[in-house]
Amino acid sequence: MKFDEIYNQIKGILENHDYSGFGYGLYSYEFDITGEGEGKFYLEVRDGAAKIQPFDYRSSTCTMIINSKYMLKMLQHRLTPTSAYSTGRLKIKGDVSAAFRLADTIGLDV
């Protein structure tokens, strides 16, 4: 699978959520996808509205580094973020609590 295919799958899932619970302010998440279809993209939540772009976000609230197959498993509810993080499949640089807040917001079992 190529990066644009993986990105479009993930974007489709992330776009269909209500981020109004984040309130006002800026939260930025960089995703560094490794393995098949590697690449980077970011999710920016500003004042409750989300924007997803296939670019590097250098000053993110947190950066999540994960293999594409594990990322897709998480989004398909076949792997929890907690399990991925505790087994080293998901690495988080920056604010770990912000990463788990995002997971909770998009309905992933943490």
N, C-alpha and C. Protein backbone atom coordinates (compact mmCIF):
# COMPACT_ATOMS: atom_id res chain seq x y z
N MET A 1 0.85 -1.17 0.00
CA MET A 1 0.00 0.00 0.00
C MET A 1 0.90 1.24 0.00
N LYS A 2 0.54 2.24 -0.76
CA LYS A 2 1.30 3.47 -0.84
C LYS A 2 0.84 4.46 0.22
N PHE A 3 1.69 5.46 0.49
CA PHE A 3 1.37 6.44 1.52
C PHE A 3 0.04 7.13 1.26
N ASP A 4 -0.21 7.56 0.03
CA ASP A 4 -1.46 8.28 -0.22
C ASP A 4 -2.70 7.42 0.05
N GLU A 5 -2.60 6.12 -0.15
CA GLU A 5 -3.72 5.22 0.16
C GLU A 5 -3.92 5.12 1.67
N ILE A 6 -2.81 4.97 2.39
CA ILE A 6 -2.89 4.90 3.85
C ILE A 6 -3.40 6.22 4.41
N TYR A 7 -2.84 7.32 3.92
CA TYR A 7 -3.24 8.65 4.37
C TYR A 7 -4.74 8.88 4.14
N ASN A 8 -5.22 8.53 2.96
CA ASN A 8 -6.64 8.74 2.66
C ASN A 8 -7.55 7.90 3.55
N GLN A 9 -7.14 6.68 3.87
CA GLN A 9 -7.93 5.83 4.80
C GLN A 9 -7.99 6.48 6.17
N ILE A 10 -6.82 6.88 6.66
CA ILE A 10 -6.74 7.48 8.00
C ILE A 10 -7.48 8.81 8.02
N LYS A 11 -7.31 9.62 6.99
CA LYS A 11 -7.99 10.92 6.91
C LYS A 11 -9.50 10.74 6.95
N GLY A 12 -10.00 9.76 6.21
CA GLY A 12 -11.43 9.49 6.20
C GLY A 12 -11.97 9.15 7.58
N ILE A 13 -11.19 8.44 8.36
CA ILE A 13 -11.61 8.08 9.72
C ILE A 13 -11.52 9.29 10.65
N LEU A 14 -10.42 10.04 10.59
CA LEU A 14 -10.22 11.17 11.50
C LEU A 14 -11.15 12.34 11.22
N GLU A 15 -11.55 12.53 9.97
CA GLU A 15 -12.42 13.65 9.62
C GLU A 15 -13.84 13.50 10.16
N ASN A 16 -14.25 12.30 10.45
CA ASN A 16 -15.63 12.05 10.84
C ASN A 16 -15.84 12.02 12.35
N HIS A 17 -15.20 12.93 13.04
CA HIS A 17 -15.35 13.00 14.50
C HIS A 17 -15.61 14.43 14.93
N ASP A 18 -16.23 14.55 16.10
CA ASP A 18 -16.54 15.84 16.69
C ASP A 18 -15.39 16.23 17.63
N TYR A 19 -14.70 17.29 17.30
CA TYR A 19 -13.56 17.74 18.11
C TYR A 19 -13.93 18.94 18.97
N SER A 20 -15.21 19.26 19.09
CA SER A 20 -15.63 20.43 19.86
C SER A 20 -15.26 20.32 21.33
N GLY A 21 -15.10 19.10 21.83
CA GLY A 21 -14.70 18.90 23.22
C GLY A 21 -13.31 19.40 23.54
N PHE A 22 -12.51 19.66 22.52
CA PHE A 22 -11.17 20.19 22.75
C PHE A 22 -11.23 21.65 23.19
N GLY A 23 -12.36 22.32 22.94
CA GLY A 23 -12.49 23.72 23.31
C GLY A 23 -11.65 24.62 22.43
N TYR A 24 -11.36 25.80 22.95
CA TYR A 24 -10.57 26.77 22.18
C TYR A 24 -9.09 26.53 22.38
N GLY A 25 -8.33 26.86 21.39
CA GLY A 25 -6.89 26.67 21.45
C GLY A 25 -6.44 25.79 20.30
N LEU A 26 -5.15 25.52 20.28
CA LEU A 26 -4.54 24.75 19.21
C LEU A 26 -3.91 23.48 19.76
N TYR A 27 -4.25 22.36 19.15
CA TYR A 27 -3.63 21.07 19.45
C TYR A 27 -3.17 20.50 18.11
N SER A 28 -1.93 20.14 18.03
CA SER A 28 -1.41 19.62 16.77
C SER A 28 -0.74 18.27 16.99
N TYR A 29 -1.07 17.35 16.11
CA TYR A 29 -0.58 15.98 16.21
C TYR A 29 0.13 15.61 14.92
N GLU A 30 1.38 15.22 15.04
CA GLU A 30 2.10 14.74 13.86
C GLU A 30 2.13 13.22 13.91
N PHE A 31 1.87 12.61 12.79
CA PHE A 31 1.91 11.16 12.67
C PHE A 31 3.07 10.81 11.74
N ASP A 32 3.99 10.05 12.25
CA ASP A 32 5.13 9.58 11.46
C ASP A 32 4.89 8.09 11.20
N ILE A 33 4.42 7.80 10.01
CA ILE A 33 4.06 6.42 9.64
C ILE A 33 5.30 5.74 9.07
N THR A 34 5.61 4.58 9.62
CA THR A 34 6.78 3.82 9.18
C THR A 34 6.32 2.56 8.46
N GLY A 35 7.26 1.86 7.87
CA GLY A 35 6.94 0.61 7.18
C GLY A 35 6.35 0.88 5.81
N GLU A 36 5.50 -0.03 5.37
CA GLU A 36 4.87 0.10 4.05
C GLU A 36 4.08 1.40 3.98
N GLY A 37 4.31 2.17 2.95
CA GLY A 37 3.58 3.42 2.79
C GLY A 37 4.02 4.52 3.74
N GLU A 38 5.29 4.50 4.14
CA GLU A 38 5.75 5.47 5.13
C GLU A 38 5.58 6.90 4.66
N GLY A 39 5.41 7.78 5.62
CA GLY A 39 5.25 9.20 5.34
C GLY A 39 4.77 9.91 6.59
N LYS A 40 4.55 11.22 6.48
CA LYS A 40 4.12 12.02 7.62
C LYS A 40 2.87 12.81 7.26
N PHE A 41 2.03 12.99 8.27
CA PHE A 41 0.89 13.87 8.12
C PHE A 41 0.56 14.44 9.48
N TYR A 42 -0.28 15.46 9.49
CA TYR A 42 -0.65 16.03 10.78
C TYR A 42 -2.15 16.25 10.87
N LEU A 43 -2.59 16.26 12.11
CA LEU A 43 -3.96 16.61 12.46
C LEU A 43 -3.85 17.85 13.34
N GLU A 44 -4.51 18.91 12.94
CA GLU A 44 -4.53 20.13 13.72
C GLU A 44 -5.95 20.36 14.19
N VAL A 45 -6.13 20.52 15.49
CA VAL A 45 -7.44 20.84 16.05
C VAL A 45 -7.33 22.26 16.61
N ARG A 46 -8.04 23.16 15.96
CA ARG A 46 -8.01 24.57 16.38
C ARG A 46 -9.44 25.00 16.67
N ASP A 47 -9.65 25.40 17.91
CA ASP A 47 -10.97 25.87 18.35
C ASP A 47 -12.08 24.87 17.99
N GLY A 48 -11.78 23.58 18.12
CA GLY A 48 -12.76 22.53 17.92
C GLY A 48 -12.94 22.06 16.49
N ALA A 49 -12.21 22.66 15.54
CA ALA A 49 -12.30 22.26 14.13
C ALA A 49 -11.01 21.55 13.73
N ALA A 50 -11.14 20.46 12.99
CA ALA A 50 -9.98 19.65 12.61
C ALA A 50 -9.56 19.90 11.17
N LYS A 51 -8.26 19.85 10.96
CA LYS A 51 -7.68 19.96 9.63
C LYS A 51 -6.59 18.89 9.53
N ILE A 52 -6.60 18.12 8.46
CA ILE A 52 -5.64 17.04 8.27
C ILE A 52 -4.90 17.28 6.95
N GLN A 53 -3.59 17.28 7.02
CA GLN A 53 -2.77 17.55 5.84
C GLN A 53 -1.58 16.59 5.79
N PRO A 54 -1.14 16.22 4.59
CA PRO A 54 0.00 15.30 4.46
C PRO A 54 1.34 16.03 4.48
N PHE A 55 1.61 16.72 5.57
CA PHE A 55 2.85 17.47 5.72
C PHE A 55 3.44 17.22 7.10
N ASP A 56 4.69 17.60 7.25
CA ASP A 56 5.40 17.57 8.52
C ASP A 56 4.94 18.78 9.35
N TYR A 57 4.68 18.59 10.63
CA TYR A 57 4.26 19.67 11.53
C TYR A 57 5.33 19.77 12.59
N ARG A 58 6.23 20.68 12.44
CA ARG A 58 7.47 20.71 13.24
C ARG A 58 7.28 21.04 14.72
N SER A 59 6.28 21.78 15.08
CA SER A 59 6.11 22.13 16.49
C SER A 59 4.79 21.58 17.01
N SER A 60 4.64 20.28 16.94
CA SER A 60 3.38 19.64 17.32
C SER A 60 3.28 19.45 18.83
N THR A 61 2.05 19.32 19.29
CA THR A 61 1.79 19.01 20.69
C THR A 61 2.41 17.65 21.02
N CYS A 62 2.27 16.72 20.08
CA CYS A 62 2.94 15.42 20.21
C CYS A 62 3.12 14.79 18.84
N THR A 63 4.10 13.95 18.75
CA THR A 63 4.38 13.20 17.53
C THR A 63 4.20 11.73 17.85
N MET A 64 3.45 11.05 17.01
CA MET A 64 3.23 9.63 17.19
C MET A 64 3.92 8.89 16.05
N ILE A 65 4.78 7.96 16.42
CA ILE A 65 5.53 7.17 15.44
C ILE A 65 5.00 5.75 15.51
N ILE A 66 4.49 5.27 14.37
CA ILE A 66 3.87 3.95 14.36
C ILE A 66 3.93 3.35 12.96
N ASN A 67 4.06 2.05 12.90
CA ASN A 67 4.04 1.32 11.64
C ASN A 67 2.64 1.38 11.06
N SER A 68 2.54 1.49 9.75
CA SER A 68 1.24 1.64 9.10
C SER A 68 0.27 0.51 9.46
N LYS A 69 0.77 -0.72 9.56
CA LYS A 69 -0.15 -1.83 9.85
C LYS A 69 -0.74 -1.70 11.25
N TYR A 70 0.03 -1.20 12.22
CA TYR A 70 -0.50 -1.02 13.58
C TYR A 70 -1.43 0.18 13.66
N MET A 71 -1.13 1.22 12.90
CA MET A 71 -2.02 2.38 12.87
C MET A 71 -3.40 1.98 12.35
N LEU A 72 -3.41 1.24 11.26
CA LEU A 72 -4.69 0.80 10.70
C LEU A 72 -5.41 -0.15 11.66
N LYS A 73 -4.67 -1.02 12.34
CA LYS A 73 -5.31 -1.91 13.33
C LYS A 73 -5.95 -1.11 14.45
N MET A 74 -5.29 -0.05 14.90
CA MET A 74 -5.88 0.78 15.96
C MET A 74 -7.16 1.43 15.47
N LEU A 75 -7.13 1.98 14.27
CA LEU A 75 -8.31 2.67 13.74
C LEU A 75 -9.45 1.71 13.42
N GLN A 76 -9.13 0.43 13.26
CA GLN A 76 -10.15 -0.60 13.03
C GLN A 76 -10.57 -1.27 14.34
N HIS A 77 -10.12 -0.74 15.47
CA HIS A 77 -10.44 -1.24 16.80
C HIS A 77 -9.93 -2.67 17.04
N ARG A 78 -8.82 -3.00 16.40
CA ARG A 78 -8.22 -4.33 16.59
C ARG A 78 -6.96 -4.26 17.45
N LEU A 79 -6.57 -3.05 17.87
CA LEU A 79 -5.41 -2.82 18.72
C LEU A 79 -5.69 -1.55 19.50
N THR A 80 -5.52 -1.59 20.81
CA THR A 80 -5.76 -0.39 21.61
C THR A 80 -4.50 0.47 21.64
N PRO A 81 -4.67 1.78 21.74
CA PRO A 81 -3.50 2.65 21.85
C PRO A 81 -2.64 2.31 23.07
N THR A 82 -3.27 1.95 24.17
CA THR A 82 -2.51 1.59 25.38
C THR A 82 -1.64 0.38 25.13
N SER A 83 -2.19 -0.64 24.49
CA SER A 83 -1.43 -1.84 24.18
C SER A 83 -0.30 -1.52 23.20
N ALA A 84 -0.59 -0.74 22.17
CA ALA A 84 0.43 -0.37 21.19
C ALA A 84 1.56 0.42 21.86
N TYR A 85 1.21 1.33 22.76
CA TYR A 85 2.20 2.16 23.45
C TYR A 85 3.03 1.33 24.42
N SER A 86 2.36 0.48 25.20
CA SER A 86 3.08 -0.30 26.22
C SER A 86 3.98 -1.39 25.62
N THR A 87 3.70 -1.80 24.39
CA THR A 87 4.54 -2.82 23.74
C THR A 87 5.56 -2.21 22.77
N GLY A 88 5.61 -0.89 22.71
CA GLY A 88 6.59 -0.22 21.87
C GLY A 88 6.20 -0.10 20.40
N ARG A 89 5.00 -0.52 20.05
CA ARG A 89 4.55 -0.38 18.66
C ARG A 89 4.21 1.07 18.33
N LEU A 90 3.80 1.81 19.34
CA LEU A 90 3.49 3.23 19.22
C LEU A 90 4.45 3.99 20.11
N LYS A 91 5.18 4.91 19.50
CA LYS A 91 6.09 5.77 20.26
C LYS A 91 5.51 7.18 20.22
N ILE A 92 5.53 7.84 21.37
CA ILE A 92 4.97 9.18 21.46
C ILE A 92 6.04 10.13 21.97
N LYS A 93 6.29 11.18 21.20
CA LYS A 93 7.21 12.25 21.61
C LYS A 93 6.35 13.46 21.95
N GLY A 94 6.58 14.04 23.10
CA GLY A 94 5.80 15.20 23.49
C GLY A 94 4.76 14.82 24.52
N ASP A 95 3.61 15.45 24.45
CA ASP A 95 2.54 15.32 25.44
C ASP A 95 1.77 14.00 25.25
N VAL A 96 2.12 13.01 26.05
CA VAL A 96 1.48 11.68 25.96
C VAL A 96 -0.01 11.79 26.29
N SER A 97 -0.36 12.62 27.27
CA SER A 97 -1.78 12.74 27.64
C SER A 97 -2.60 13.31 26.48
N ALA A 98 -2.01 14.20 25.67
CA ALA A 98 -2.72 14.74 24.50
C ALA A 98 -2.98 13.65 23.48
N ALA A 99 -2.04 12.73 23.33
CA ALA A 99 -2.23 11.61 22.39
C ALA A 99 -3.39 10.74 22.83
N PHE A 100 -3.47 10.45 24.12
CA PHE A 100 -4.56 9.60 24.61
C PHE A 100 -5.89 10.36 24.64
N ARG A 101 -5.84 11.68 24.78
CA ARG A 101 -7.07 12.48 24.67
C ARG A 101 -7.62 12.38 23.25
N LEU A 102 -6.75 12.43 22.27
CA LEU A 102 -7.18 12.29 20.88
C LEU A 102 -7.78 10.90 20.67
N ALA A 103 -7.12 9.88 21.17
CA ALA A 103 -7.63 8.51 21.01
C ALA A 103 -9.03 8.38 21.62
N ASP A 104 -9.21 8.97 22.78
CA ASP A 104 -10.53 8.93 23.42
C ASP A 104 -11.57 9.69 22.59
N THR A 105 -11.19 10.83 22.06
CA THR A 105 -12.10 11.65 21.26
C THR A 105 -12.58 10.93 20.02
N ILE A 106 -11.69 10.19 19.37
CA ILE A 106 -12.09 9.50 18.13
C ILE A 106 -12.65 8.12 18.40
N GLY A 107 -12.86 7.79 19.67
CA GLY A 107 -13.57 6.56 20.02
C GLY A 107 -12.72 5.32 20.07
N LEU A 108 -11.41 5.48 20.25
CA LEU A 108 -10.57 4.29 20.41
C LEU A 108 -10.54 3.89 21.87
N ASP A 109 -10.67 2.62 22.14
CA ASP A 109 -10.57 2.12 23.50
C ASP A 109 -9.13 2.30 23.95
N VAL A 110 -8.93 3.08 24.99
CA VAL A 110 -7.58 3.31 25.48
C VAL A 110 -7.31 2.32 26.57
